[in-house]
Amino acid sequence: MRTEIVIPFAFDTAPIEKLLEEQGEAEVMRILSEKVDSAVIANLPMKNDGYGYNAKKVPDWRGFLENRFSRWLDEHTQEIIDEAALLMAAKGSRKKAWREVLAEVKADEGKQQE
């Protein structure tokens, strides 16, 4: 004869699921951070840190930034000049001394054109 006994047992898996989710997220973020860091550093210009046998390659941040900044300046030189001129004109128009100098310059230009 066979008799089945059923014992009701409730087991809440939510805390375990939450813990696994947090650990998995932390692990994924760690792996992604390592991959991104190594990819970024691999694409930077490198320089030697130290001399001789102990020299190791490290990222040349200064060279990287100088290169990027000088390239950006070359591309945007005229925009920078135009914006600076507008700012100077806006500030100068509020001061009496600047307006007087501007009037003199305009008068001199008018005399030269005659």
Protein backbone atom coordinates (compact mmCIF):
# COMPACT_ATOMS: atom_id res chain seq x y z
CA MET A 1 0.00 0.00 0.00
CA ARG A 2 1.17 3.40 -0.91
CA THR A 3 0.34 6.55 1.04
CA GLU A 4 1.26 10.04 -0.05
CA ILE A 5 1.78 12.72 2.52
CA VAL A 6 1.75 16.32 1.34
CA ILE A 7 3.41 18.90 3.53
CA PRO A 8 2.74 22.47 2.41
CA PHE A 9 5.97 24.43 2.35
CA ALA A 10 6.33 28.00 1.09
CA PHE A 11 9.79 29.11 0.11
CA ASP A 12 10.36 32.75 -0.91
CA THR A 13 13.14 32.96 -3.51
CA ALA A 14 12.96 36.76 -3.91
CA PRO A 15 15.94 37.54 -1.58
CA ILE A 16 18.13 34.98 -3.35
CA GLU A 17 17.07 36.30 -6.77
CA LYS A 18 17.84 39.86 -5.67
CA LEU A 19 21.27 38.86 -4.36
CA LEU A 20 22.11 37.02 -7.59
CA GLU A 21 20.90 39.99 -9.63
CA GLU A 22 23.09 42.43 -7.65
CA GLN A 23 26.14 40.18 -7.89
CA GLY A 24 25.58 39.64 -11.61
CA GLU A 25 25.19 43.36 -12.24
CA ALA A 26 28.37 44.14 -10.30
CA GLU A 27 30.29 41.48 -12.25
CA VAL A 28 29.02 42.73 -15.61
CA MET A 29 29.94 46.33 -14.71
CA ARG A 30 33.42 45.22 -13.62
CA ILE A 31 34.00 43.32 -16.87
CA LEU A 32 32.67 46.20 -19.00
CA SER A 33 34.83 48.72 -17.13
CA GLU A 34 37.93 46.61 -17.68
CA LYS A 35 37.15 46.21 -21.39
CA VAL A 36 36.47 49.92 -21.90
CA ASP A 37 39.56 50.96 -19.94
CA SER A 38 41.82 48.61 -21.89
CA ALA A 39 40.28 49.70 -25.23
CA VAL A 40 40.71 53.39 -24.42
CA ILE A 41 44.26 52.98 -23.18
CA ALA A 42 45.17 50.83 -26.20
CA ASN A 43 44.17 53.72 -28.50
CA LEU A 44 46.09 56.44 -26.65
CA PRO A 45 49.58 57.55 -27.58
CA MET A 46 52.08 55.94 -25.23
CA LYS A 47 55.35 57.16 -23.73
CA ASN A 48 58.10 55.57 -21.68
CA ASP A 49 57.91 56.09 -17.94
CA GLY A 50 61.38 55.72 -16.52
CA TYR A 51 64.67 54.72 -18.06
CA GLY A 52 66.43 51.56 -19.01
CA TYR A 53 65.23 48.15 -17.87
CA ASN A 54 62.53 49.56 -15.56
CA ALA A 55 60.89 51.69 -18.27
CA LYS A 56 57.27 50.90 -18.91
CA LYS A 57 54.76 52.25 -21.38
CA VAL A 58 52.15 54.60 -19.96
CA PRO A 59 49.50 56.71 -21.71
CA ASP A 60 50.76 60.10 -22.88
CA TRP A 61 47.76 62.15 -21.71
CA ARG A 62 49.51 65.47 -22.27
CA GLY A 63 50.41 64.63 -25.86
CA PHE A 64 46.90 63.33 -26.48
CA LEU A 65 45.22 66.46 -25.13
CA GLU A 66 47.63 68.84 -26.85
CA ASN A 67 47.06 67.07 -30.16
CA ARG A 68 43.27 67.08 -29.77
CA PHE A 69 43.15 70.67 -28.53
CA SER A 70 45.42 72.06 -31.25
CA ARG A 71 43.37 70.21 -33.89
CA TRP A 72 40.15 71.61 -32.39
CA LEU A 73 41.64 75.13 -32.35
CA ASP A 74 42.67 74.80 -35.99
CA GLU A 75 39.15 73.77 -36.96
CA HIS A 76 37.37 76.49 -34.94
CA THR A 77 39.77 79.46 -35.10
CA GLN A 78 37.47 81.76 -37.05
CA GLU A 79 34.47 80.93 -34.84
CA ILE A 80 36.51 81.75 -31.73
CA ILE A 81 37.67 85.07 -33.18
CA ASP A 82 34.14 86.02 -34.25
CA GLU A 83 32.69 85.16 -30.84
CA ALA A 84 35.43 87.08 -29.02
CA ALA A 85 34.82 90.13 -31.23
CA LEU A 86 31.09 90.00 -30.50
CA LEU A 87 31.70 89.74 -26.77
CA MET A 88 34.15 92.65 -26.83
CA ALA A 89 31.74 94.78 -28.85
CA ALA A 90 28.89 93.99 -26.46
CA LYS A 91 30.97 94.92 -23.42
CA GLY A 92 32.49 97.97 -25.09
CA SER A 93 29.19 99.43 -26.16
CA ARG A 94 28.26 99.87 -22.50
CA LYS A 95 31.25 102.08 -21.67
CA LYS A 96 31.54 105.73 -22.65
CA ALA A 97 35.31 105.59 -23.21
CA TRP A 98 34.93 102.72 -25.66
CA ARG A 99 32.19 104.53 -27.56
CA GLU A 100 34.44 107.60 -27.87
CA VAL A 101 37.33 105.50 -29.21
CA LEU A 102 34.98 103.78 -31.65
CA ALA A 103 33.72 107.17 -32.86
CA GLU A 104 37.33 108.31 -33.40
CA VAL A 105 38.15 105.15 -35.38
CA LYS A 106 35.06 105.62 -37.54
CA ALA A 107 35.97 109.27 -38.11
CA ASP A 108 39.53 108.30 -39.11
CA GLU A 109 38.19 105.70 -41.53
CA GLY A 110 35.87 108.30 -43.05
CA LYS A 111 38.81 110.72 -43.58
CA GLN A 112 40.95 107.99 -45.18
CA GLN A 113 38.21 107.08 -47.64
CA GLU A 114 37.89 110.74 -48.85
